[in-house]
Amino acid sequence: MADIYAAQLNPGKLEVVTDWVAAQKWASELDLAANPLEQVTSYRFDDPAGEVGLEVHIVRSGDRHLQVPLSYRGEPLKGADEHLVATMEHSVLGKRWVYAGMGDPVFRQRLDDAIATAGTSAKQYRVDEAGNRGDEITEVAHAFGTGPLPGAGDVEMLYQLNLDSPGEGSEGGLLLGRWAGQENSVVLAVMA
């Protein structure tokens, strides 16, 4: 489960996501000035050690839907400078180092595990200023694995989403997702 604080972030998450997307070659055709990114939803994975925040943002630019996986750490990840997206100040947790999720071994392990074990994204709970866990946050995406695909190897995260992709009835090796307003499951990641 993931604890979500009512915190002030500087810079904000959408600003960090926008800067990262703007620097990606696969996003070069997007006109982010004309169609700035808008937050659609997000989902999280659990870090069993409780040290690393693992969050995937689903955003929209015009009619294009994208997903951006990020990890949040309380200290720099050694050997991962090329995957550092930003640093941010979190009003509760302090300075956070933000990494591209696929460059963080904890994120990759949790993504692989969700697919291979038919696991799901983490339940999220609001946490008050005193640190007390409150209500579950239900207005987030629900991601779920389809189980392992025999002979599959590495996992590919899809950064550009096809909302009409036929995810249901797949044999395995996928991470699928649904959220409010999205009728069918969307393919989020694939075991290749």
Protein backbone atom coordinates (compact mmCIF):
# COMPACT_ATOMS: atom_id res chain seq x y z
CA MET A 1 0.00 0.00 0.00
CA ALA A 2 1.10 3.57 -0.61
CA ASP A 3 0.75 6.46 1.84
CA ILE A 4 -0.08 9.77 0.19
CA TYR A 5 0.61 12.94 2.15
CA ALA A 6 -1.17 16.25 1.62
CA ALA A 7 2.18 17.85 0.86
CA GLN A 8 3.50 20.81 -1.06
CA LEU A 9 5.95 19.84 -3.81
CA ASN A 10 8.46 22.11 -5.48
CA PRO A 11 8.60 21.65 -8.41
CA GLY A 12 5.21 20.00 -8.81
CA LYS A 13 4.80 16.54 -10.31
CA LEU A 14 3.18 17.72 -13.56
CA GLU A 15 6.06 20.15 -14.09
CA VAL A 16 8.59 17.32 -13.61
CA VAL A 17 6.61 15.04 -15.94
CA THR A 18 6.36 17.76 -18.60
CA ASP A 19 10.11 18.45 -18.52
CA TRP A 20 10.88 14.74 -18.85
CA VAL A 21 8.43 14.18 -21.72
CA ALA A 22 9.75 17.25 -23.58
CA ALA A 23 13.27 15.74 -23.51
CA GLN A 24 12.24 12.37 -24.99
CA LYS A 25 12.89 11.60 -28.68
CA TRP A 26 9.63 9.63 -28.94
CA ALA A 27 7.73 12.79 -27.95
CA SER A 28 9.37 15.14 -30.46
CA GLU A 29 6.19 15.39 -32.57
CA LEU A 30 4.14 16.63 -29.60
CA ASP A 31 3.44 20.35 -29.44
CA LEU A 32 3.42 20.82 -25.67
CA ALA A 33 3.09 24.60 -26.04
CA ALA A 34 -0.19 24.24 -27.95
CA ASN A 35 -1.35 21.17 -25.99
CA PRO A 36 0.23 21.23 -22.53
CA LEU A 37 0.17 18.01 -20.56
CA GLU A 38 -2.87 17.45 -18.36
CA GLN A 39 -2.96 14.91 -15.54
CA VAL A 40 -5.46 12.10 -16.24
CA THR A 41 -4.68 9.70 -13.39
CA SER A 42 -1.85 7.72 -11.84
CA TYR A 43 -1.07 4.39 -10.21
CA ARG A 44 1.62 3.15 -7.85
CA PHE A 45 3.56 0.05 -6.97
CA ASP A 46 4.71 -0.93 -3.48
CA ASP A 47 8.36 -0.97 -2.50
CA PRO A 48 8.51 -3.84 0.03
CA ALA A 49 11.23 -1.94 1.91
CA GLY A 50 9.05 1.18 2.08
CA GLU A 51 11.92 3.41 0.93
CA VAL A 52 11.16 4.25 -2.71
CA GLY A 53 8.00 5.87 -4.03
CA LEU A 54 6.97 4.20 -7.32
CA GLU A 55 4.40 6.16 -9.31
CA VAL A 56 3.23 6.14 -12.91
CA HIS A 57 1.52 9.26 -14.25
CA ILE A 58 -0.98 8.99 -17.08
CA VAL A 59 -1.22 12.33 -18.87
CA ARG A 60 -2.81 13.75 -21.99
CA SER A 61 -1.59 16.19 -24.63
CA GLY A 62 -4.53 16.94 -26.89
CA ASP A 63 -5.90 13.51 -27.85
CA ARG A 64 -2.62 11.68 -27.14
CA HIS A 65 -2.29 9.73 -23.87
CA LEU A 66 1.13 9.07 -22.36
CA GLN A 67 2.43 7.40 -19.23
CA VAL A 68 5.49 8.46 -17.29
CA PRO A 69 6.94 6.13 -14.62
CA LEU A 70 8.87 7.87 -11.84
CA SER A 71 10.60 6.79 -8.66
CA TYR A 72 11.07 9.07 -5.65
CA ARG A 73 14.03 8.52 -3.34
CA GLY A 74 15.27 10.12 -0.13
CA GLU A 75 18.87 10.03 -1.38
CA PRO A 76 20.61 9.75 -4.76
CA LEU A 77 20.63 6.36 -6.48
CA LYS A 78 24.27 5.43 -7.07
CA GLY A 79 25.21 4.94 -10.70
CA ALA A 80 21.91 6.31 -12.02
CA ASP A 81 22.78 9.92 -12.85
CA GLU A 82 21.62 9.47 -16.45
CA HIS A 83 18.13 8.56 -15.16
CA LEU A 84 17.81 11.51 -12.75
CA VAL A 85 14.83 13.59 -13.83
CA ALA A 86 14.78 16.24 -11.08
CA THR A 87 15.05 16.92 -7.41
CA MET A 88 12.04 18.24 -5.55
CA GLU A 89 11.25 19.51 -2.11
CA HIS A 90 8.47 17.57 -0.37
CA SER A 91 7.01 19.53 2.56
CA VAL A 92 6.72 16.36 4.68
CA LEU A 93 9.51 14.05 3.46
CA GLY A 94 12.14 16.67 2.55
CA LYS A 95 14.35 16.56 -0.52
CA ARG A 96 13.46 13.84 -3.02
CA TRP A 97 15.49 12.59 -5.98
CA VAL A 98 13.20 11.79 -8.90
CA TYR A 99 14.29 9.15 -11.41
CA ALA A 100 12.85 7.82 -14.65
CA GLY A 101 11.17 4.65 -13.42
CA MET A 102 12.69 2.29 -15.97
CA GLY A 103 16.14 3.42 -14.82
CA ASP A 104 15.43 2.49 -11.20
CA PRO A 105 16.00 -1.18 -10.28
CA VAL A 106 13.27 -1.13 -7.61
CA PHE A 107 10.70 0.16 -10.11
CA ARG A 108 11.71 -2.42 -12.73
CA GLN A 109 11.54 -5.26 -10.20
CA ARG A 110 8.07 -4.26 -9.01
CA LEU A 111 6.81 -3.86 -12.60
CA ASP A 112 8.22 -7.28 -13.56
CA ASP A 113 6.70 -8.81 -10.43
CA ALA A 114 3.25 -7.30 -11.10
CA ILE A 115 3.17 -8.85 -14.57
CA ALA A 116 4.71 -12.23 -13.66
CA THR A 117 2.49 -12.83 -10.60
CA ALA A 118 -0.69 -11.25 -12.00
CA GLY A 119 -0.26 -8.66 -9.25
CA THR A 120 -1.91 -5.28 -9.02
CA SER A 121 -0.99 -1.70 -8.40
CA ALA A 122 -0.82 -0.57 -4.79
CA LYS A 123 -3.80 0.62 -2.81
CA GLN A 124 -3.29 4.26 -1.87
CA TYR A 125 -4.28 5.92 1.39
CA ARG A 126 -4.42 9.54 2.51
CA VAL A 127 -2.15 10.36 5.44
CA ASP A 128 -2.82 13.36 7.68
CA GLU A 129 -0.27 15.78 9.13
CA ALA A 130 0.11 13.61 12.24
CA GLY A 131 1.00 10.58 10.09
CA ASN A 132 -2.31 8.76 10.57
CA ARG A 133 -3.56 6.69 7.65
CA GLY A 134 -7.08 7.60 6.56
CA ASP A 135 -9.36 6.80 3.65
CA GLU A 136 -8.34 4.80 0.61
CA ILE A 137 -7.89 6.91 -2.52
CA THR A 138 -10.07 5.30 -5.15
CA GLU A 139 -9.94 7.90 -7.93
CA VAL A 140 -6.69 6.45 -9.32
CA ALA A 141 -5.96 3.94 -12.07
CA HIS A 142 -5.96 0.23 -11.34
CA ALA A 143 -3.10 -1.64 -13.02
CA PHE A 144 -2.91 -5.43 -13.07
CA GLY A 145 -0.64 -8.08 -14.54
CA THR A 146 -1.85 -10.95 -16.71
CA GLY A 147 0.71 -13.48 -15.48
CA PRO A 148 3.95 -14.61 -17.05
CA LEU A 149 4.41 -15.23 -20.74
CA PRO A 150 6.49 -18.40 -21.20
CA GLY A 151 9.86 -17.58 -22.72
CA ALA A 152 9.45 -13.83 -22.21
CA GLY A 153 12.36 -11.71 -21.10
CA ASP A 154 12.55 -8.01 -20.45
CA VAL A 155 9.58 -5.71 -19.86
CA GLU A 156 8.90 -2.75 -22.13
CA MET A 157 6.93 0.15 -20.63
CA LEU A 158 4.68 1.79 -23.23
CA TYR A 159 5.08 5.56 -23.00
CA GLN A 160 2.47 6.31 -25.65
CA LEU A 161 -0.84 4.62 -24.91
CA ASN A 162 -3.44 3.29 -27.31
CA LEU A 163 -6.73 3.58 -25.43
CA ASP A 164 -8.39 1.28 -27.95
CA SER A 165 -5.85 -1.53 -27.54
CA PRO A 166 -7.53 -4.90 -26.94
CA GLY A 167 -6.08 -5.90 -23.56
CA GLU A 168 -8.76 -8.35 -22.46
CA GLY A 169 -8.29 -12.01 -23.28
CA SER A 170 -4.52 -11.75 -23.60
CA GLU A 171 -2.53 -14.88 -22.83
CA GLY A 172 -0.02 -13.25 -20.53
CA GLY A 173 2.98 -11.00 -20.30
CA LEU A 174 1.07 -7.72 -20.01
CA LEU A 175 0.37 -4.98 -17.52
CA LEU A 176 -3.12 -3.63 -18.13
CA GLY A 177 -4.86 -0.64 -16.64
CA ARG A 178 -8.28 0.94 -16.19
CA TRP A 179 -9.42 4.21 -14.69
CA ALA A 180 -12.54 6.35 -14.41
CA GLY A 181 -13.88 7.06 -17.88
CA GLN A 182 -11.76 4.33 -19.52
CA GLU A 183 -14.13 1.48 -20.40
CA ASN A 184 -11.67 -1.13 -21.70
CA SER A 185 -8.33 -2.19 -20.28
CA VAL A 186 -5.32 -0.42 -21.78
CA VAL A 187 -1.98 -2.14 -22.37
CA LEU A 188 0.58 -0.35 -20.19
CA ALA A 189 3.62 -2.65 -20.42
CA VAL A 190 4.63 -5.78 -22.33
CA MET A 191 7.02 -8.65 -21.55
CA ALA A 192 9.05 -9.09 -24.73
